[in-house]
Amino acid sequence: MSALREVAEESGLTLKKLDKKLERTLLHSYRKDLTSQVSAEMDPVSLLPQVISLLYAQVHGKALQAPGRAISAAVARLKDKLDDSAFKTLVEYQSGTVSLLALMSAATGNEEDCSFDRILTKRELLEELMPALKGLVLSTSQSQT
């Protein structure tokens, strides 16, 4: 933060102090939006970053927007904040998502290829895990609102 202040000072910009009340309101709104997105999400790949962002907001009280490759770092930061079964579910879902994306990027597009069956199997596995993953954040969100 001090580096930001120094750069702003050198460039002649003024920084306003953060409005804590506005920050809390924005975070609450962000959490509500994410909660509705998670509950409506049907795509197993899109669900993971939404759940991670919502968990991060619930656990750390901070908004998180992270690219896909940063998800593993966000998961690691949640390890000490979640119980073992919740963290295991999260890690299992994340590894399944990474595997599915790797299979999809390596796929030839030919339905007769065995990669098509592996993609379908991995997607079905993630779809089976979706309720458990959603349960990590939806039960917590509903009890806090």
C-alpha atoms as a PDB file:
ATOM      1  CA  MET A   1       0.000   0.000   0.000  1.00  0.00           C
ATOM      2  CA  SER A   2       2.860   2.370   0.758  1.00  0.00           C
ATOM      3  CA  ALA A   3       4.278   1.811  -2.741  1.00  0.00           C
ATOM      4  CA  LEU A   4       0.920   2.772  -4.217  1.00  0.00           C
ATOM      5  CA  ARG A   5       0.861   5.955  -2.139  1.00  0.00           C
ATOM      6  CA  GLU A   6       4.389   6.840  -3.270  1.00  0.00           C
ATOM      7  CA  VAL A   7       3.553   6.305  -6.941  1.00  0.00           C
ATOM      8  CA  ALA A   8       0.354   8.316  -6.602  1.00  0.00           C
ATOM      9  CA  GLU A   9       2.233  11.125  -4.864  1.00  0.00           C
ATOM     10  CA  GLU A  10       4.940  11.198  -7.560  1.00  0.00           C
ATOM     11  CA  SER A  11       2.368  11.305 -10.329  1.00  0.00           C
ATOM     12  CA  GLY A  12       0.326  14.018  -8.629  1.00  0.00           C
ATOM     13  CA  LEU A  13      -2.730  11.854  -7.999  1.00  0.00           C
ATOM     14  CA  THR A  14      -4.706  11.993  -4.792  1.00  0.00           C
ATOM     15  CA  LEU A  15      -5.963   8.834  -3.178  1.00  0.00           C
ATOM     16  CA  LYS A  16      -9.164   8.811  -1.196  1.00  0.00           C
ATOM     17  CA  LYS A  17      -9.397   6.827   1.985  1.00  0.00           C
ATOM     18  CA  LEU A  18     -11.503   3.714   1.710  1.00  0.00           C
ATOM     19  CA  ASP A  19     -15.083   4.029   2.823  1.00  0.00           C
ATOM     20  CA  LYS A  20     -15.483   0.968   5.065  1.00  0.00           C
ATOM     21  CA  LYS A  21     -19.272   1.130   5.001  1.00  0.00           C
ATOM     22  CA  LEU A  22     -19.337   1.243   1.203  1.00  0.00           C
ATOM     23  CA  GLU A  23     -16.773  -1.554   1.071  1.00  0.00           C
ATOM     24  CA  ARG A  24     -18.955  -3.768   3.306  1.00  0.00           C
ATOM     25  CA  THR A  25     -22.020  -2.979   1.202  1.00  0.00           C
ATOM     26  CA  LEU A  26     -20.198  -3.835  -2.021  1.00  0.00           C
ATOM     27  CA  LEU A  27     -18.842  -7.082  -0.565  1.00  0.00           C
ATOM     28  CA  HIS A  28     -22.320  -8.075   0.628  1.00  0.00           C
ATOM     29  CA  SER A  29     -23.748  -7.338  -2.825  1.00  0.00           C
ATOM     30  CA  TYR A  30     -20.912  -9.305  -4.447  1.00  0.00           C
ATOM     31  CA  ARG A  31     -21.596 -12.279  -2.185  1.00  0.00           C
ATOM     32  CA  LYS A  32     -25.318 -12.196  -2.956  1.00  0.00           C
ATOM     33  CA  ASP A  33     -24.627 -12.094  -6.697  1.00  0.00           C
ATOM     34  CA  LEU A  34     -22.157 -14.970  -6.457  1.00  0.00           C
ATOM     35  CA  THR A  35     -24.594 -16.990  -4.348  1.00  0.00           C
ATOM     36  CA  SER A  36     -27.314 -16.657  -6.975  1.00  0.00           C
ATOM     37  CA  GLN A  37     -24.823 -17.492  -9.747  1.00  0.00           C
ATOM     38  CA  VAL A  38     -23.621 -20.602  -7.913  1.00  0.00           C
ATOM     39  CA  SER A  39     -27.131 -21.850  -7.215  1.00  0.00           C
ATOM     40  CA  ALA A  40     -28.115 -21.406 -10.882  1.00  0.00           C
ATOM     41  CA  GLU A  41     -24.873 -22.713 -12.440  1.00  0.00           C
ATOM     42  CA  MET A  42     -25.226 -25.929 -14.424  1.00  0.00           C
ATOM     43  CA  ASP A  43     -21.797 -26.068 -16.119  1.00  0.00           C
ATOM     44  CA  PRO A  44     -19.346 -28.066 -13.979  1.00  0.00           C
ATOM     45  CA  VAL A  45     -16.293 -26.157 -15.246  1.00  0.00           C
ATOM     46  CA  SER A  46     -17.770 -22.686 -14.683  1.00  0.00           C
ATOM     47  CA  LEU A  47     -18.894 -23.607 -11.187  1.00  0.00           C
ATOM     48  CA  LEU A  48     -15.407 -23.951  -9.689  1.00  0.00           C
ATOM     49  CA  PRO A  49     -14.203 -20.321  -9.977  1.00  0.00           C
ATOM     50  CA  GLN A  50     -17.563 -19.068  -8.713  1.00  0.00           C
ATOM     51  CA  VAL A  51     -17.422 -21.326  -5.653  1.00  0.00           C
ATOM     52  CA  ILE A  52     -13.792 -20.380  -4.968  1.00  0.00           C
ATOM     53  CA  SER A  53     -14.647 -16.668  -5.168  1.00  0.00           C
ATOM     54  CA  LEU A  54     -17.635 -17.102  -2.877  1.00  0.00           C
ATOM     55  CA  LEU A  55     -15.689 -19.202  -0.370  1.00  0.00           C
ATOM     56  CA  TYR A  56     -12.934 -16.605  -0.396  1.00  0.00           C
ATOM     57  CA  ALA A  57     -15.455 -13.828   0.292  1.00  0.00           C
ATOM     58  CA  GLN A  58     -17.052 -15.832   3.108  1.00  0.00           C
ATOM     59  CA  VAL A  59     -13.808 -16.925   4.743  1.00  0.00           C
ATOM     60  CA  HIS A  60     -11.509 -13.944   4.204  1.00  0.00           C
ATOM     61  CA  GLY A  61     -14.089 -11.162   3.838  1.00  0.00           C
ATOM     62  CA  LYS A  62     -12.507 -10.073   0.547  1.00  0.00           C
ATOM     63  CA  ALA A  63     -13.631 -10.212  -3.057  1.00  0.00           C
ATOM     64  CA  LEU A  64     -11.624 -12.421  -5.383  1.00  0.00           C
ATOM     65  CA  GLN A  65     -11.465 -12.319  -9.165  1.00  0.00           C
ATOM     66  CA  ALA A  66      -8.822 -14.758 -10.329  1.00  0.00           C
ATOM     67  CA  PRO A  67      -7.940 -16.278 -13.692  1.00  0.00           C
ATOM     68  CA  GLY A  68      -8.224 -20.041 -14.010  1.00  0.00           C
ATOM     69  CA  ARG A  69      -4.529 -20.681 -13.501  1.00  0.00           C
ATOM     70  CA  ALA A  70      -4.653 -18.858 -10.136  1.00  0.00           C
ATOM     71  CA  ILE A  71      -7.434 -21.059  -8.756  1.00  0.00           C
ATOM     72  CA  SER A  72      -4.989 -23.563  -7.248  1.00  0.00           C
ATOM     73  CA  ALA A  73      -3.312 -20.773  -5.249  1.00  0.00           C
ATOM     74  CA  ALA A  74      -6.707 -19.596  -3.986  1.00  0.00           C
ATOM     75  CA  VAL A  75      -7.587 -23.173  -3.002  1.00  0.00           C
ATOM     76  CA  ALA A  76      -4.308 -23.463  -1.098  1.00  0.00           C
ATOM     77  CA  ARG A  77      -5.110 -20.261   0.821  1.00  0.00           C
ATOM     78  CA  LEU A  78      -8.447 -21.772   1.880  1.00  0.00           C
ATOM     79  CA  LYS A  79      -6.903 -24.962   3.310  1.00  0.00           C
ATOM     80  CA  ASP A  80      -6.548 -23.769   6.907  1.00  0.00           C
ATOM     81  CA  LYS A  81      -9.968 -22.094   6.870  1.00  0.00           C
ATOM     82  CA  LEU A  82     -12.076 -25.111   5.841  1.00  0.00           C
ATOM     83  CA  ASP A  83     -12.716 -28.386   7.607  1.00  0.00           C
ATOM     84  CA  ASP A  84     -11.001 -31.439   6.150  1.00  0.00           C
ATOM     85  CA  SER A  85     -14.030 -32.888   4.354  1.00  0.00           C
ATOM     86  CA  ALA A  86     -14.898 -29.548   2.729  1.00  0.00           C
ATOM     87  CA  PHE A  87     -11.312 -29.038   1.621  1.00  0.00           C
ATOM     88  CA  LYS A  88     -11.155 -32.599   0.268  1.00  0.00           C
ATOM     89  CA  THR A  89     -14.316 -31.976  -1.780  1.00  0.00           C
ATOM     90  CA  LEU A  90     -12.858 -28.740  -3.105  1.00  0.00           C
ATOM     91  CA  VAL A  91      -9.517 -30.305  -4.070  1.00  0.00           C
ATOM     92  CA  GLU A  92     -11.204 -33.327  -5.663  1.00  0.00           C
ATOM     93  CA  TYR A  93     -13.431 -31.058  -7.735  1.00  0.00           C
ATOM     94  CA  GLN A  94     -10.510 -28.846  -8.719  1.00  0.00           C
ATOM     95  CA  SER A  95      -8.366 -31.777  -9.860  1.00  0.00           C
ATOM     96  CA  GLY A  96     -11.323 -33.182 -11.795  1.00  0.00           C
ATOM     97  CA  THR A  97     -11.840 -29.823 -13.482  1.00  0.00           C
ATOM     98  CA  VAL A  98      -8.163 -29.550 -14.405  1.00  0.00           C
ATOM     99  CA  SER A  99      -8.256 -33.096 -15.824  1.00  0.00           C
ATOM    100  CA  LEU A 100     -11.387 -32.344 -17.830  1.00  0.00           C
ATOM    101  CA  LEU A 101      -9.913 -29.154 -19.273  1.00  0.00           C
ATOM    102  CA  ALA A 102      -6.699 -30.988 -20.188  1.00  0.00           C
ATOM    103  CA  LEU A 103      -8.686 -33.732 -21.914  1.00  0.00           C
ATOM    104  CA  MET A 104     -10.780 -31.172 -23.765  1.00  0.00           C
ATOM    105  CA  SER A 105      -7.742 -29.262 -25.018  1.00  0.00           C
ATOM    106  CA  ALA A 106      -6.080 -32.479 -26.213  1.00  0.00           C
ATOM    107  CA  ALA A 107      -9.230 -33.835 -27.867  1.00  0.00           C
ATOM    108  CA  THR A 108      -9.238 -34.280 -31.621  1.00  0.00           C
ATOM    109  CA  GLY A 109     -12.941 -33.574 -32.025  1.00  0.00           C
ATOM    110  CA  ASN A 110     -13.560 -37.065 -33.370  1.00  0.00           C
ATOM    111  CA  GLU A 111     -16.349 -38.819 -31.456  1.00  0.00           C
ATOM    112  CA  GLU A 112     -14.818 -42.213 -32.244  1.00  0.00           C
ATOM    113  CA  ASP A 113     -11.660 -41.204 -30.391  1.00  0.00           C
ATOM    114  CA  CYS A 114     -11.356 -42.610 -26.849  1.00  0.00           C
ATOM    115  CA  SER A 115     -10.741 -39.086 -25.523  1.00  0.00           C
ATOM    116  CA  PHE A 116     -14.414 -38.314 -26.174  1.00  0.00           C
ATOM    117  CA  ASP A 117     -15.433 -41.083 -23.744  1.00  0.00           C
ATOM    118  CA  ARG A 118     -12.917 -39.908 -21.150  1.00  0.00           C
ATOM    119  CA  ILE A 119     -14.226 -36.341 -21.409  1.00  0.00           C
ATOM    120  CA  LEU A 120     -17.779 -37.572 -20.974  1.00  0.00           C
ATOM    121  CA  THR A 121     -16.822 -39.710 -17.967  1.00  0.00           C
ATOM    122  CA  LYS A 122     -14.919 -36.862 -16.299  1.00  0.00           C
ATOM    123  CA  ARG A 123     -17.788 -34.428 -16.942  1.00  0.00           C
ATOM    124  CA  GLU A 124     -20.255 -36.894 -15.388  1.00  0.00           C
ATOM    125  CA  LEU A 125     -18.012 -37.243 -12.336  1.00  0.00           C
ATOM    126  CA  LEU A 126     -17.931 -33.465 -11.903  1.00  0.00           C
ATOM    127  CA  GLU A 127     -21.704 -33.268 -12.353  1.00  0.00           C
ATOM    128  CA  GLU A 128     -22.068 -35.810  -9.525  1.00  0.00           C
ATOM    129  CA  LEU A 129     -19.821 -33.668  -7.302  1.00  0.00           C
ATOM    130  CA  MET A 130     -21.619 -30.396  -8.108  1.00  0.00           C
ATOM    131  CA  PRO A 131     -24.224 -30.650  -5.299  1.00  0.00           C
ATOM    132  CA  ALA A 132     -21.491 -31.244  -2.706  1.00  0.00           C
ATOM    133  CA  LEU A 133     -19.464 -28.310  -4.021  1.00  0.00           C
ATOM    134  CA  LYS A 134     -22.493 -26.028  -4.080  1.00  0.00           C
ATOM    135  CA  GLY A 135     -23.317 -27.188  -0.556  1.00  0.00           C
ATOM    136  CA  LEU A 136     -19.992 -25.822   0.687  1.00  0.00           C
ATOM    137  CA  VAL A 137     -21.076 -22.262  -0.032  1.00  0.00           C
ATOM    138  CA  LEU A 138     -24.854 -22.239  -0.252  1.00  0.00           C
ATOM    139  CA  SER A 139     -25.484 -23.572   3.252  1.00  0.00           C
ATOM    140  CA  THR A 140     -23.016 -21.014   4.662  1.00  0.00           C
ATOM    141  CA  SER A 141     -24.436 -18.158   2.579  1.00  0.00           C
ATOM    142  CA  GLN A 142     -28.019 -18.839   3.526  1.00  0.00           C
ATOM    143  CA  SER A 143     -27.207 -18.965   7.227  1.00  0.00           C
ATOM    144  CA  GLN A 144     -25.340 -15.629   7.006  1.00  0.00           C
ATOM    145  CA  THR A 145     -27.986 -13.657   5.088  1.00  0.00           C
END
